[in-house]
Amino acid sequence: MTFNRPTLMLIALGLAGAAYAFRPRAAHPGSGTKSPYHPVRNAGPEEMTLPLRREWTKVDEAVDESFPASDPPATY
């Protein structure tokens, strides 16, 4: 039985796809969430993960407090 070039290419592509689908995957903690909801932090400078580089103003506070409500529900 002989195969022509297009048939061999399809067989090779199928084998490559199968190898990719069944490859071993490393388990990374936090690589995916089981919940469709993402955590949202509380407002305020004390809840930030990075230290502040400048004084926290009333404008910063207002923007920080309005963040989740200002985004459309489909984006978070």
C-alpha atoms as a PDB file:
ATOM      1  CA  MET A   1       0.000   0.000   0.000  1.00  0.00           C
ATOM      2  CA  THR A   2       1.489   3.346  -1.012  1.00  0.00           C
ATOM      3  CA  PHE A   3       0.404   6.767   0.146  1.00  0.00           C
ATOM      4  CA  ASN A   4       0.672   9.950  -1.826  1.00  0.00           C
ATOM      5  CA  ARG A   5       2.049  13.139  -0.307  1.00  0.00           C
ATOM      6  CA  PRO A   6      -1.293  14.756   0.735  1.00  0.00           C
ATOM      7  CA  THR A   7      -2.343  11.579   2.540  1.00  0.00           C
ATOM      8  CA  LEU A   8       0.966  11.400   4.414  1.00  0.00           C
ATOM      9  CA  MET A   9       0.611  15.064   5.376  1.00  0.00           C
ATOM     10  CA  LEU A  10      -2.877  14.431   6.788  1.00  0.00           C
ATOM     11  CA  ILE A  11      -1.649  11.425   8.761  1.00  0.00           C
ATOM     12  CA  ALA A  12       1.263  13.457  10.159  1.00  0.00           C
ATOM     13  CA  LEU A  13      -1.084  16.309  11.072  1.00  0.00           C
ATOM     14  CA  GLY A  14      -3.449  13.897  12.816  1.00  0.00           C
ATOM     15  CA  LEU A  15      -0.616  12.343  14.804  1.00  0.00           C
ATOM     16  CA  ALA A  16       0.683  15.774  15.793  1.00  0.00           C
ATOM     17  CA  GLY A  17      -2.797  16.803  16.935  1.00  0.00           C
ATOM     18  CA  ALA A  18      -3.199  13.621  18.979  1.00  0.00           C
ATOM     19  CA  ALA A  19       0.216  14.139  20.587  1.00  0.00           C
ATOM     20  CA  TYR A  20      -0.735  17.724  21.487  1.00  0.00           C
ATOM     21  CA  ALA A  21      -4.133  16.706  22.885  1.00  0.00           C
ATOM     22  CA  PHE A  22      -2.713  13.953  25.090  1.00  0.00           C
ATOM     23  CA  ARG A  23       0.487  15.718  26.200  1.00  0.00           C
ATOM     24  CA  PRO A  24       1.304  15.712  29.925  1.00  0.00           C
ATOM     25  CA  ARG A  25       0.258  18.917  31.606  1.00  0.00           C
ATOM     26  CA  ALA A  26       1.816  20.396  34.705  1.00  0.00           C
ATOM     27  CA  ALA A  27      -0.565  21.231  37.510  1.00  0.00           C
ATOM     28  CA  HIS A  28      -0.266  24.900  38.384  1.00  0.00           C
ATOM     29  CA  PRO A  29      -2.094  26.091  41.479  1.00  0.00           C
ATOM     30  CA  GLY A  30      -4.413  28.910  40.564  1.00  0.00           C
ATOM     31  CA  SER A  31      -4.160  28.263  36.845  1.00  0.00           C
ATOM     32  CA  GLY A  32      -7.918  28.240  36.543  1.00  0.00           C
ATOM     33  CA  THR A  33     -10.914  29.053  38.643  1.00  0.00           C
ATOM     34  CA  LYS A  34     -13.743  26.672  39.287  1.00  0.00           C
ATOM     35  CA  SER A  35     -16.071  29.597  39.847  1.00  0.00           C
ATOM     36  CA  PRO A  36     -17.204  31.867  37.020  1.00  0.00           C
ATOM     37  CA  TYR A  37     -16.806  34.846  39.381  1.00  0.00           C
ATOM     38  CA  HIS A  38     -13.486  36.583  39.837  1.00  0.00           C
ATOM     39  CA  PRO A  39     -12.536  37.953  43.241  1.00  0.00           C
ATOM     40  CA  VAL A  40     -12.872  41.705  43.617  1.00  0.00           C
ATOM     41  CA  ARG A  41     -10.851  43.439  46.306  1.00  0.00           C
ATOM     42  CA  ASN A  42     -12.346  45.905  48.750  1.00  0.00           C
ATOM     43  CA  ALA A  43     -11.886  49.619  48.118  1.00  0.00           C
ATOM     44  CA  GLY A  44      -9.184  51.613  49.818  1.00  0.00           C
ATOM     45  CA  PRO A  45      -5.412  51.977  49.867  1.00  0.00           C
ATOM     46  CA  GLU A  46      -4.995  49.340  52.594  1.00  0.00           C
ATOM     47  CA  GLU A  47      -6.411  46.674  50.248  1.00  0.00           C
ATOM     48  CA  MET A  48      -3.887  47.332  47.447  1.00  0.00           C
ATOM     49  CA  THR A  49      -1.154  44.783  46.818  1.00  0.00           C
ATOM     50  CA  LEU A  50       1.527  47.304  45.820  1.00  0.00           C
ATOM     51  CA  PRO A  51       2.672  50.134  48.093  1.00  0.00           C
ATOM     52  CA  LEU A  52       1.523  53.657  47.283  1.00  0.00           C
ATOM     53  CA  ARG A  53       4.034  55.996  45.646  1.00  0.00           C
ATOM     54  CA  ARG A  54       2.088  59.153  46.444  1.00  0.00           C
ATOM     55  CA  GLU A  55      -0.610  60.509  48.751  1.00  0.00           C
ATOM     56  CA  TRP A  56      -4.066  58.886  48.432  1.00  0.00           C
ATOM     57  CA  THR A  57      -6.552  61.622  47.422  1.00  0.00           C
ATOM     58  CA  LYS A  58     -10.345  61.904  47.478  1.00  0.00           C
ATOM     59  CA  VAL A  59     -10.356  61.419  43.702  1.00  0.00           C
ATOM     60  CA  ASP A  60      -8.377  58.186  44.104  1.00  0.00           C
ATOM     61  CA  GLU A  61     -10.870  57.025  46.717  1.00  0.00           C
ATOM     62  CA  ALA A  62     -13.898  57.848  44.535  1.00  0.00           C
ATOM     63  CA  VAL A  63     -12.444  56.089  41.507  1.00  0.00           C
ATOM     64  CA  ASP A  64     -11.430  53.072  43.586  1.00  0.00           C
ATOM     65  CA  GLU A  65     -14.892  52.762  45.170  1.00  0.00           C
ATOM     66  CA  SER A  66     -16.711  52.998  41.832  1.00  0.00           C
ATOM     67  CA  PHE A  67     -14.521  50.540  39.918  1.00  0.00           C
ATOM     68  CA  PRO A  68     -16.657  47.356  39.789  1.00  0.00           C
ATOM     69  CA  ALA A  69     -19.877  49.296  39.211  1.00  0.00           C
ATOM     70  CA  SER A  70     -18.348  51.338  36.396  1.00  0.00           C
ATOM     71  CA  ASP A  71     -17.497  48.240  34.344  1.00  0.00           C
ATOM     72  CA  PRO A  72     -20.093  46.366  32.323  1.00  0.00           C
ATOM     73  CA  PRO A  73     -21.043  43.085  34.040  1.00  0.00           C
ATOM     74  CA  ALA A  74     -19.681  40.999  31.149  1.00  0.00           C
ATOM     75  CA  THR A  75     -16.098  42.131  31.727  1.00  0.00           C
ATOM     76  CA  TYR A  76     -15.580  40.947  35.291  1.00  0.00           C
END
